[in-house]
C-alpha atoms as a PDB file:
ATOM      1  CA  MET A   1     -24.025  17.485   0.399  1.00  0.00           C
ATOM      2  CA  LYS A   2     -24.044  14.356   2.559  1.00  0.00           C
ATOM      3  CA  VAL A   3     -22.243  11.472   0.828  1.00  0.00           C
ATOM      4  CA  LEU A   4     -22.465   7.896   2.054  1.00  0.00           C
ATOM      5  CA  ARG A   5     -19.237   6.043   1.238  1.00  0.00           C
ATOM      6  CA  VAL A   6     -19.665   2.341   0.588  1.00  0.00           C
ATOM      7  CA  PHE A   7     -16.884  -0.258   0.366  1.00  0.00           C
ATOM      8  CA  PRO A   8     -17.134  -3.871  -0.850  1.00  0.00           C
ATOM      9  CA  ARG A   9     -14.947  -5.048   2.045  1.00  0.00           C
ATOM     10  CA  ARG A  10     -13.330  -3.633   5.167  1.00  0.00           C
ATOM     11  CA  THR A  11      -9.556  -3.261   5.378  1.00  0.00           C
ATOM     12  CA  ASN A  12      -7.235  -1.614   7.882  1.00  0.00           C
ATOM     13  CA  ALA A  13      -7.498   1.581   5.825  1.00  0.00           C
ATOM     14  CA  THR A  14     -11.304   1.754   5.573  1.00  0.00           C
ATOM     15  CA  PRO A  15     -12.834   4.847   7.213  1.00  0.00           C
ATOM     16  CA  ASP A  16     -14.992   4.159  10.261  1.00  0.00           C
ATOM     17  CA  ASP A  17     -17.235   7.204  10.634  1.00  0.00           C
ATOM     18  CA  LEU A  18     -21.044   7.091  10.593  1.00  0.00           C
ATOM     19  CA  LEU A  19     -21.291   7.746   6.847  1.00  0.00           C
ATOM     20  CA  VAL A  20     -19.390   4.569   5.938  1.00  0.00           C
ATOM     21  CA  HIS A  21     -21.072   1.280   5.052  1.00  0.00           C
ATOM     22  CA  ILE A  22     -19.628  -2.099   4.079  1.00  0.00           C
ATOM     23  CA  GLY A  23     -21.463  -4.088   1.415  1.00  0.00           C
ATOM     24  CA  GLY A  24     -24.990  -3.721   0.110  1.00  0.00           C
ATOM     25  CA  PRO A  25     -27.953  -2.097   1.881  1.00  0.00           C
ATOM     26  CA  ASP A  26     -29.325  -3.765   4.990  1.00  0.00           C
ATOM     27  CA  LEU A  27     -32.454  -3.349   7.116  1.00  0.00           C
ATOM     28  CA  PHE A  28     -31.125  -0.116   8.607  1.00  0.00           C
ATOM     29  CA  SER A  29     -30.001   1.492   5.348  1.00  0.00           C
ATOM     30  CA  LYS A  30     -33.358   3.146   4.652  1.00  0.00           C
ATOM     31  CA  HIS A  31     -32.814   5.236   7.779  1.00  0.00           C
ATOM     32  CA  ILE A  32     -29.471   6.588   6.526  1.00  0.00           C
ATOM     33  CA  GLU A  33     -29.711  10.205   5.430  1.00  0.00           C
ATOM     34  CA  ALA A  34     -27.514  10.717   2.379  1.00  0.00           C
ATOM     35  CA  ASP A  35     -27.772  12.752  -0.813  1.00  0.00           C
ATOM     36  CA  ARG A  36     -25.485  10.467  -2.790  1.00  0.00           C
ATOM     37  CA  VAL A  37     -23.776   7.098  -2.474  1.00  0.00           C
ATOM     38  CA  HIS A  38     -20.161   6.641  -3.572  1.00  0.00           C
ATOM     39  CA  ILE A  39     -18.968   3.048  -3.876  1.00  0.00           C
ATOM     40  CA  SER A  40     -15.180   2.990  -3.591  1.00  0.00           C
ATOM     41  CA  VAL A  41     -13.457  -0.059  -5.096  1.00  0.00           C
ATOM     42  CA  ALA A  42      -9.766  -0.670  -4.484  1.00  0.00           C
ATOM     43  CA  PHE A  43      -9.438  -4.140  -6.039  1.00  0.00           C
ATOM     44  CA  THR A  44     -10.509  -5.162  -9.528  1.00  0.00           C
ATOM     45  CA  TRP A  45     -11.857  -8.481  -8.262  1.00  0.00           C
ATOM     46  CA  ASP A  46     -14.472  -6.552  -6.252  1.00  0.00           C
ATOM     47  CA  LEU A  47     -15.915  -4.765  -9.296  1.00  0.00           C
ATOM     48  CA  THR A  48     -18.606  -7.367  -9.990  1.00  0.00           C
ATOM     49  CA  ALA A  49     -19.855  -7.123  -6.408  1.00  0.00           C
ATOM     50  CA  ALA A  50     -19.702  -3.322  -6.606  1.00  0.00           C
ATOM     51  CA  GLU A  51     -21.882  -3.277  -9.715  1.00  0.00           C
ATOM     52  CA  LYS A  52     -24.498  -5.405  -7.947  1.00  0.00           C
ATOM     53  CA  MET A  53     -24.321  -3.164  -4.872  1.00  0.00           C
ATOM     54  CA  SER A  54     -24.714  -0.095  -7.086  1.00  0.00           C
ATOM     55  CA  LYS A  55     -28.112  -1.283  -8.345  1.00  0.00           C
ATOM     56  CA  GLU A  56     -29.233  -1.906  -4.766  1.00  0.00           C
ATOM     57  CA  TRP A  57     -28.010   1.430  -3.401  1.00  0.00           C
ATOM     58  CA  ALA A  58     -29.529   3.313  -6.360  1.00  0.00           C
ATOM     59  CA  LEU A  59     -32.951   2.577  -4.840  1.00  0.00           C
ATOM     60  CA  ILE A  60     -31.930   4.694  -1.834  1.00  0.00           C
ATOM     61  CA  ALA A  61     -29.921   7.561  -3.383  1.00  0.00           C
ATOM     62  CA  PRO A  62     -28.080   8.413  -6.631  1.00  0.00           C
ATOM     63  CA  THR A  63     -25.105   6.076  -6.728  1.00  0.00           C
ATOM     64  CA  GLU A  64     -21.761   6.006  -8.536  1.00  0.00           C
ATOM     65  CA  ILE A  65     -18.759   3.675  -8.545  1.00  0.00           C
ATOM     66  CA  GLY A  66     -15.183   4.947  -8.351  1.00  0.00           C
ATOM     67  CA  GLY A  67     -11.805   4.086  -6.917  1.00  0.00           C
ATOM     68  CA  PRO A  68      -8.495   2.669  -8.169  1.00  0.00           C
ATOM     69  CA  ALA A  69     -10.039  -0.561  -9.482  1.00  0.00           C
ATOM     70  CA  THR A  70     -12.086   1.370 -12.047  1.00  0.00           C
ATOM     71  CA  GLY A  71      -8.949   2.913 -13.571  1.00  0.00           C
ATOM     72  CA  GLN A  72     -10.104   6.298 -12.339  1.00  0.00           C
ATOM     73  CA  ARG A  73      -7.288   8.798 -11.887  1.00  0.00           C
ATOM     74  CA  GLY A  74      -6.916  10.040  -8.317  1.00  0.00           C
ATOM     75  CA  GLU A  75      -7.125  13.751  -7.604  1.00  0.00           C
ATOM     76  CA  ASP A  76      -6.194  15.770  -4.514  1.00  0.00           C
ATOM     77  CA  PHE A  77      -6.344  13.771  -1.306  1.00  0.00           C
ATOM     78  CA  THR A  78      -9.030  14.462   1.305  1.00  0.00           C
ATOM     79  CA  PRO A  79      -8.171  12.993   4.741  1.00  0.00           C
ATOM     80  CA  GLY A  80     -10.777  10.628   6.155  1.00  0.00           C
ATOM     81  CA  LEU A  81     -12.921  10.506   3.012  1.00  0.00           C
ATOM     82  CA  TYR A  82     -11.967   7.192   1.388  1.00  0.00           C
ATOM     83  CA  LEU A  83      -9.165   6.279   3.793  1.00  0.00           C
ATOM     84  CA  LYS A  84      -9.226   6.204   7.576  1.00  0.00           C
ATOM     85  CA  GLN A  85      -7.998   9.267   9.450  1.00  0.00           C
ATOM     86  CA  GLY A  86      -4.227   9.064   9.833  1.00  0.00           C
ATOM     87  CA  TYR A  87      -3.615   7.715   6.335  1.00  0.00           C
ATOM     88  CA  THR A  88      -2.292  10.268   3.879  1.00  0.00           C
ATOM     89  CA  ILE A  89      -1.324  10.494   0.210  1.00  0.00           C
ATOM     90  CA  THR A  90       0.959  13.364  -0.769  1.00  0.00           C
ATOM     91  CA  SER A  91       1.706  12.413  -4.385  1.00  0.00           C
ATOM     92  CA  ARG A  92       0.255  10.278  -7.150  1.00  0.00           C
ATOM     93  CA  GLY A  93       1.806   8.413 -10.028  1.00  0.00           C
ATOM     94  CA  CYS A  94       5.145   6.745 -10.583  1.00  0.00           C
ATOM     95  CA  PRO A  95       7.831   7.202 -13.248  1.00  0.00           C
ATOM     96  CA  ASN A  96       8.584   3.466 -13.304  1.00  0.00           C
ATOM     97  CA  ARG A  97       6.798   1.250 -15.831  1.00  0.00           C
ATOM     98  CA  CYS A  98       6.630  -2.025 -13.898  1.00  0.00           C
ATOM     99  CA  TRP A  99       4.778  -4.614 -15.995  1.00  0.00           C
ATOM    100  CA  PHE A 100       2.611  -5.816 -13.096  1.00  0.00           C
ATOM    101  CA  CYS A 101       1.643  -2.377 -11.769  1.00  0.00           C
ATOM    102  CA  THR A 102      -1.461  -0.371 -12.679  1.00  0.00           C
ATOM    103  CA  VAL A 103      -0.301   2.874 -11.028  1.00  0.00           C
ATOM    104  CA  TRP A 104       1.518   4.363 -14.018  1.00  0.00           C
ATOM    105  CA  ARG A 105      -1.317   3.335 -16.327  1.00  0.00           C
ATOM    106  CA  ARG A 106      -3.962   4.878 -14.058  1.00  0.00           C
ATOM    107  CA  GLU A 107      -2.147   7.917 -12.653  1.00  0.00           C
ATOM    108  CA  GLY A 108       0.366   8.549 -15.417  1.00  0.00           C
ATOM    109  CA  GLU A 109       4.132   8.339 -15.619  1.00  0.00           C
ATOM    110  CA  THR A 110       4.494  11.983 -14.608  1.00  0.00           C
ATOM    111  CA  LEU A 111       4.441  12.049 -10.832  1.00  0.00           C
ATOM    112  CA  ARG A 112       2.106  14.676  -9.331  1.00  0.00           C
ATOM    113  CA  GLU A 113       2.909  16.266  -5.976  1.00  0.00           C
ATOM    114  CA  LEU A 114      -0.256  17.065  -4.008  1.00  0.00           C
ATOM    115  CA  PRO A 115      -0.974  19.485  -1.176  1.00  0.00           C
ATOM    116  CA  ILE A 116       0.352  17.757   1.940  1.00  0.00           C
ATOM    117  CA  ALA A 117      -2.383  16.669   4.355  1.00  0.00           C
ATOM    118  CA  ASP A 118      -1.613  15.645   7.934  1.00  0.00           C
ATOM    119  CA  GLY A 119      -1.348  11.938   8.682  1.00  0.00           C
ATOM    120  CA  TRP A 120       1.110   9.372   9.956  1.00  0.00           C
ATOM    121  CA  ASN A 121       0.684   6.496   7.493  1.00  0.00           C
ATOM    122  CA  VAL A 122       2.070   7.488   4.077  1.00  0.00           C
ATOM    123  CA  LEU A 123       0.566   5.641   1.094  1.00  0.00           C
ATOM    124  CA  ASP A 124       2.233   7.480  -1.805  1.00  0.00           C
ATOM    125  CA  ASP A 125       2.867   5.388  -4.923  1.00  0.00           C
ATOM    126  CA  ASN A 126       6.543   6.408  -4.934  1.00  0.00           C
ATOM    127  CA  LEU A 127       7.358   9.079  -2.349  1.00  0.00           C
ATOM    128  CA  LEU A 128      11.110   9.028  -3.010  1.00  0.00           C
ATOM    129  CA  ALA A 129      10.511   9.886  -6.683  1.00  0.00           C
ATOM    130  CA  CYS A 130       9.200  13.287  -5.560  1.00  0.00           C
ATOM    131  CA  SER A 131      11.325  16.426  -5.471  1.00  0.00           C
ATOM    132  CA  ASP A 132      13.626  16.918  -2.491  1.00  0.00           C
ATOM    133  CA  ASP A 133      11.553  19.909  -1.348  1.00  0.00           C
ATOM    134  CA  HIS A 134       8.372  17.836  -1.325  1.00  0.00           C
ATOM    135  CA  ILE A 135       9.980  14.945   0.540  1.00  0.00           C
ATOM    136  CA  LYS A 136      11.398  17.345   3.142  1.00  0.00           C
ATOM    137  CA  ALA A 137       7.946  18.889   3.584  1.00  0.00           C
ATOM    138  CA  VAL A 138       6.409  15.432   4.079  1.00  0.00           C
ATOM    139  CA  PHE A 139       9.045  14.534   6.672  1.00  0.00           C
ATOM    140  CA  SER A 140       8.400  17.867   8.425  1.00  0.00           C
ATOM    141  CA  MET A 141       4.651  17.146   8.496  1.00  0.00           C
ATOM    142  CA  LEU A 142       5.289  13.689   9.959  1.00  0.00           C
ATOM    143  CA  SER A 143       7.491  15.164  12.688  1.00  0.00           C
ATOM    144  CA  ARG A 144       4.497  17.192  13.936  1.00  0.00           C
ATOM    145  CA  GLN A 145       2.061  14.295  14.279  1.00  0.00           C
ATOM    146  CA  GLY A 146       2.988  13.301  17.822  1.00  0.00           C
ATOM    147  CA  ARG A 147       3.290   9.645  16.880  1.00  0.00           C
ATOM    148  CA  ARG A 148       5.684   7.451  14.951  1.00  0.00           C
ATOM    149  CA  PRO A 149       4.946   7.189  11.226  1.00  0.00           C
ATOM    150  CA  TYR A 150       4.425   4.257   8.882  1.00  0.00           C
ATOM    151  CA  PHE A 151       5.535   4.134   5.249  1.00  0.00           C
ATOM    152  CA  THR A 152       3.215   1.377   4.078  1.00  0.00           C
ATOM    153  CA  GLY A 153       2.950   2.760   0.550  1.00  0.00           C
ATOM    154  CA  GLY A 154       6.540   1.700   0.045  1.00  0.00           C
ATOM    155  CA  LEU A 155       9.890   3.393  -0.500  1.00  0.00           C
ATOM    156  CA  GLU A 156      11.970   2.638  -3.599  1.00  0.00           C
ATOM    157  CA  ALA A 157      15.384   1.329  -2.532  1.00  0.00           C
ATOM    158  CA  ALA A 158      17.116   2.586  -5.682  1.00  0.00           C
ATOM    159  CA  ARG A 159      16.099   6.167  -4.836  1.00  0.00           C
ATOM    160  CA  LEU A 160      17.121   6.085  -1.161  1.00  0.00           C
ATOM    161  CA  LYS A 161      19.702   8.774  -0.336  1.00  0.00           C
ATOM    162  CA  PRO A 162      21.829   9.340   2.774  1.00  0.00           C
ATOM    163  CA  TRP A 163      19.880  12.480   3.711  1.00  0.00           C
ATOM    164  CA  HIS A 164      16.627  10.484   3.572  1.00  0.00           C
ATOM    165  CA  ILE A 165      18.088   8.084   6.115  1.00  0.00           C
ATOM    166  CA  THR A 166      19.201  10.937   8.390  1.00  0.00           C
ATOM    167  CA  GLU A 167      15.615  12.225   8.467  1.00  0.00           C
ATOM    168  CA  LEU A 168      14.135   8.731   8.861  1.00  0.00           C
ATOM    169  CA  VAL A 169      16.306   8.172  11.935  1.00  0.00           C
ATOM    170  CA  LYS A 170      14.776  11.317  13.463  1.00  0.00           C
ATOM    171  CA  LEU A 171      11.253  10.159  12.609  1.00  0.00           C
ATOM    172  CA  ASN A 172      11.858   6.656  14.042  1.00  0.00           C
ATOM    173  CA  PRO A 173       9.109   5.004  11.947  1.00  0.00           C
ATOM    174  CA  VAL A 174       7.185   1.972  13.138  1.00  0.00           C
ATOM    175  CA  GLU A 175       7.547   0.355   9.712  1.00  0.00           C
ATOM    176  CA  MET A 176       9.122   1.178   6.367  1.00  0.00           C
ATOM    177  CA  PHE A 177       8.215  -1.010   3.407  1.00  0.00           C
ATOM    178  CA  PHE A 178      10.514  -1.362   0.425  1.00  0.00           C
ATOM    179  CA  ALA A 179      10.005  -3.785  -2.474  1.00  0.00           C
ATOM    180  CA  TYR A 180      11.658  -6.680  -4.279  1.00  0.00           C
ATOM    181  CA  ASP A 181       9.445  -7.276  -7.283  1.00  0.00           C
ATOM    182  CA  THR A 182      11.903  -7.762 -10.149  1.00  0.00           C
ATOM    183  CA  PRO A 183      15.547  -8.966 -10.404  1.00  0.00           C
ATOM    184  CA  ASN A 184      16.637  -5.336 -10.822  1.00  0.00           C
ATOM    185  CA  ASP A 185      15.480  -4.636  -7.266  1.00  0.00           C
ATOM    186  CA  ARG A 186      18.000  -6.998  -5.660  1.00  0.00           C
ATOM    187  CA  GLU A 187      21.156  -4.907  -5.586  1.00  0.00           C
ATOM    188  CA  PRO A 188      19.431  -1.636  -4.601  1.00  0.00           C
ATOM    189  CA  LEU A 189      17.685  -3.489  -1.768  1.00  0.00           C
ATOM    190  CA  TYR A 190      20.986  -4.844  -0.446  1.00  0.00           C
ATOM    191  CA  GLU A 191      22.554  -1.373  -0.650  1.00  0.00           C
ATOM    192  CA  ALA A 192      19.573   0.224   1.092  1.00  0.00           C
ATOM    193  CA  GLY A 193      19.672  -2.429   3.812  1.00  0.00           C
ATOM    194  CA  LYS A 194      23.366  -1.799   4.370  1.00  0.00           C
ATOM    195  CA  MET A 195      22.872   1.957   4.746  1.00  0.00           C
ATOM    196  CA  LEU A 196      19.811   1.612   6.965  1.00  0.00           C
ATOM    197  CA  MET A 197      21.431  -0.905   9.290  1.00  0.00           C
ATOM    198  CA  GLU A 198      24.528   1.263   9.557  1.00  0.00           C
ATOM    199  CA  ALA A 199      22.152   4.002  10.726  1.00  0.00           C
ATOM    200  CA  GLY A 200      20.764   1.720  13.438  1.00  0.00           C
ATOM    201  CA  PHE A 201      17.690   0.185  11.828  1.00  0.00           C
ATOM    202  CA  ARG A 202      17.122  -3.560  12.096  1.00  0.00           C
ATOM    203  CA  SER A 203      14.898  -6.085  10.341  1.00  0.00           C
ATOM    204  CA  ASN A 204      13.182  -6.948  13.630  1.00  0.00           C
ATOM    205  CA  HIS A 205      12.348  -3.256  14.043  1.00  0.00           C
ATOM    206  CA  PRO A 206      10.896  -1.356  11.064  1.00  0.00           C
ATOM    207  CA  LEU A 207      12.521  -2.775   7.918  1.00  0.00           C
ATOM    208  CA  ARG A 208      10.034  -4.619   5.706  1.00  0.00           C
ATOM    209  CA  ALA A 209       9.914  -5.499   1.999  1.00  0.00           C
ATOM    210  CA  TYR A 210       7.011  -6.404  -0.261  1.00  0.00           C
ATOM    211  CA  VAL A 211       7.931  -9.357  -2.482  1.00  0.00           C
ATOM    212  CA  LEU A 212       5.799 -10.168  -5.516  1.00  0.00           C
ATOM    213  CA  ILE A 213       5.507 -13.937  -5.995  1.00  0.00           C
ATOM    214  CA  GLY A 214       3.515 -16.398  -8.077  1.00  0.00           C
ATOM    215  CA  TYR A 215       3.435 -14.380 -11.295  1.00  0.00           C
ATOM    216  CA  PRO A 216       3.651 -16.114 -14.700  1.00  0.00           C
ATOM    217  CA  GLY A 217       7.002 -17.884 -14.999  1.00  0.00           C
ATOM    218  CA  ASP A 218       7.774 -17.719 -11.278  1.00  0.00           C
ATOM    219  CA  THR A 219       8.725 -20.884  -9.367  1.00  0.00           C
ATOM    220  CA  PHE A 220       8.826 -21.814  -5.681  1.00  0.00           C
ATOM    221  CA  ASP A 221      12.628 -21.928  -5.760  1.00  0.00           C
ATOM    222  CA  LYS A 222      12.916 -18.503  -7.384  1.00  0.00           C
ATOM    223  CA  ALA A 223      10.359 -16.985  -5.031  1.00  0.00           C
ATOM    224  CA  GLU A 224      12.002 -18.480  -1.960  1.00  0.00           C
ATOM    225  CA  GLY A 225      15.333 -17.152  -3.216  1.00  0.00           C
ATOM    226  CA  ARG A 226      13.937 -13.598  -3.352  1.00  0.00           C
ATOM    227  CA  LEU A 227      12.347 -13.943   0.076  1.00  0.00           C
ATOM    228  CA  PHE A 228      15.613 -15.116   1.630  1.00  0.00           C
ATOM    229  CA  ASP A 229      17.415 -12.347  -0.271  1.00  0.00           C
ATOM    230  CA  CYS A 230      15.282  -9.893   1.716  1.00  0.00           C
ATOM    231  CA  LEU A 231      16.290 -11.542   4.978  1.00  0.00           C
ATOM    232  CA  ASN A 232      19.944 -11.442   3.959  1.00  0.00           C
ATOM    233  CA  ALA A 233      19.594  -7.755   3.037  1.00  0.00           C
ATOM    234  CA  GLY A 234      18.163  -6.953   6.476  1.00  0.00           C
ATOM    235  CA  PHE A 235      14.441  -6.810   5.664  1.00  0.00           C
ATOM    236  CA  THR A 236      11.506  -8.888   6.875  1.00  0.00           C
ATOM    237  CA  PRO A 237       9.686  -9.895   3.666  1.00  0.00           C
ATOM    238  CA  MET A 238       5.958  -9.725   3.082  1.00  0.00           C
ATOM    239  CA  ALA A 239       4.872 -12.058   0.277  1.00  0.00           C
ATOM    240  CA  MET A 240       2.464 -10.382  -2.135  1.00  0.00           C
ATOM    241  CA  LEU A 241       0.771 -13.094  -4.181  1.00  0.00           C
ATOM    242  CA  TYR A 242       0.105 -12.246  -7.818  1.00  0.00           C
ATOM    243  CA  ARG A 243      -3.537 -12.170  -8.921  1.00  0.00           C
ATOM    244  CA  ASP A 244      -4.839 -12.121 -12.461  1.00  0.00           C
ATOM    245  CA  LYS A 245      -7.301  -9.489 -13.698  1.00  0.00           C
ATOM    246  CA  ILE A 246     -10.259 -11.220 -12.098  1.00  0.00           C
ATOM    247  CA  GLY A 247      -8.433 -11.714  -8.815  1.00  0.00           C
ATOM    248  CA  LYS A 248      -7.796 -15.437  -9.203  1.00  0.00           C
ATOM    249  CA  ARG A 249      -4.944 -16.925  -7.165  1.00  0.00           C
ATOM    250  CA  ASP A 250      -3.401 -20.363  -7.596  1.00  0.00           C
ATOM    251  CA  PRO A 251      -4.270 -22.384  -4.435  1.00  0.00           C
ATOM    252  CA  VAL A 252      -0.811 -23.996  -4.479  1.00  0.00           C
ATOM    253  CA  TRP A 253       0.791 -20.561  -4.383  1.00  0.00           C
ATOM    254  CA  VAL A 254      -1.606 -19.496  -1.617  1.00  0.00           C
ATOM    255  CA  ARG A 255      -0.239 -22.310   0.571  1.00  0.00           C
ATOM    256  CA  PHE A 256       3.333 -21.369  -0.308  1.00  0.00           C
ATOM    257  CA  ALA A 257       2.758 -17.674   0.484  1.00  0.00           C
ATOM    258  CA  TRP A 258       0.993 -18.167   3.822  1.00  0.00           C
ATOM    259  CA  PRO A 259       4.087 -18.471   6.097  1.00  0.00           C
ATOM    260  CA  TRP A 260       5.825 -15.637   4.242  1.00  0.00           C
ATOM    261  CA  SER A 261       3.145 -13.154   5.237  1.00  0.00           C
ATOM    262  CA  ARG A 262       3.398 -13.796   8.985  1.00  0.00           C
ATOM    263  CA  PRO A 263       6.331 -12.145  10.780  1.00  0.00           C
ATOM    264  CA  ALA A 264       6.419 -14.686  13.618  1.00  0.00           C
ATOM    265  CA  VAL A 265       6.834 -17.570  11.150  1.00  0.00           C
ATOM    266  CA  ILE A 266       9.409 -15.577   9.180  1.00  0.00           C
ATOM    267  CA  TYR A 267      11.431 -14.913  12.341  1.00  0.00           C
ATOM    268  CA  ALA A 268      11.501 -18.668  12.945  1.00  0.00           C
ATOM    269  CA  LYS A 269      12.717 -19.202   9.373  1.00  0.00           C
ATOM    270  CA  ARG A 270      15.412 -16.599   9.927  1.00  0.00           C
ATOM    271  CA  LYS A 271      16.563 -18.331  13.099  1.00  0.00           C
ATOM    272  CA  GLU A 272      16.641 -21.720  11.371  1.00  0.00           C
ATOM    273  CA  ALA A 273      18.751 -20.232   8.575  1.00  0.00           C
ATOM    274  CA  GLY A 274      21.120 -18.609  11.082  1.00  0.00           C
ATOM    275  CA  LEU A 275      20.408 -15.088   9.763  1.00  0.00           C
END
């Protein structure tokens, strides 16, 4: 069965084969041969647009909406289907119950290890929460890819072990993202940074950290403190601005976050601070 995959917007992870379309039907859509249309929605704020697109695509082929934004539980991962070739997911779910995160609500608190598909950009919800055997198998898969990996799904600092670092040194990743979302993340992040830098990693090489900012009760001073904490711990921060359920962002926070999502500006901040 030929399935046309439709996405409300294009991102770096969107597939780019001939059976992928962005947005609603256009003048050329009637020439597309497809048995079904799957609209994949990653962000809740795109659901309204997806529902409108669904009515339009239904005139061409039977259409359904799915994806993380719908609350739909993910199943086994198929490379290249809803993510570009090279991206891979080897496990789903997370045992943590972070108040701002939908993963444990959607996928469950019991982490599920999936069959490992080849790829070099790992998007697991919490790879380091997997069993040692699974993590070793993922690292082995990455070593066969012929290119340096990315860990853009994020690695939990509190779960980082010395043997992980030994294997990461061998893999020489382009980027590894950790996270500083709650006050409890601070000390584990500093400890992880210490171990990683002792192994030869540097913040101007692959060490990055997602930092949630702008959530209810947050302030500019508190947010800036967490961002500079990342720099002090050896990580280049990436500000992740909180959105409400409909995707609304405070314009004042948007202006605050802008420089903290651009590495070149962050490097300048680091230099000014003497870090």
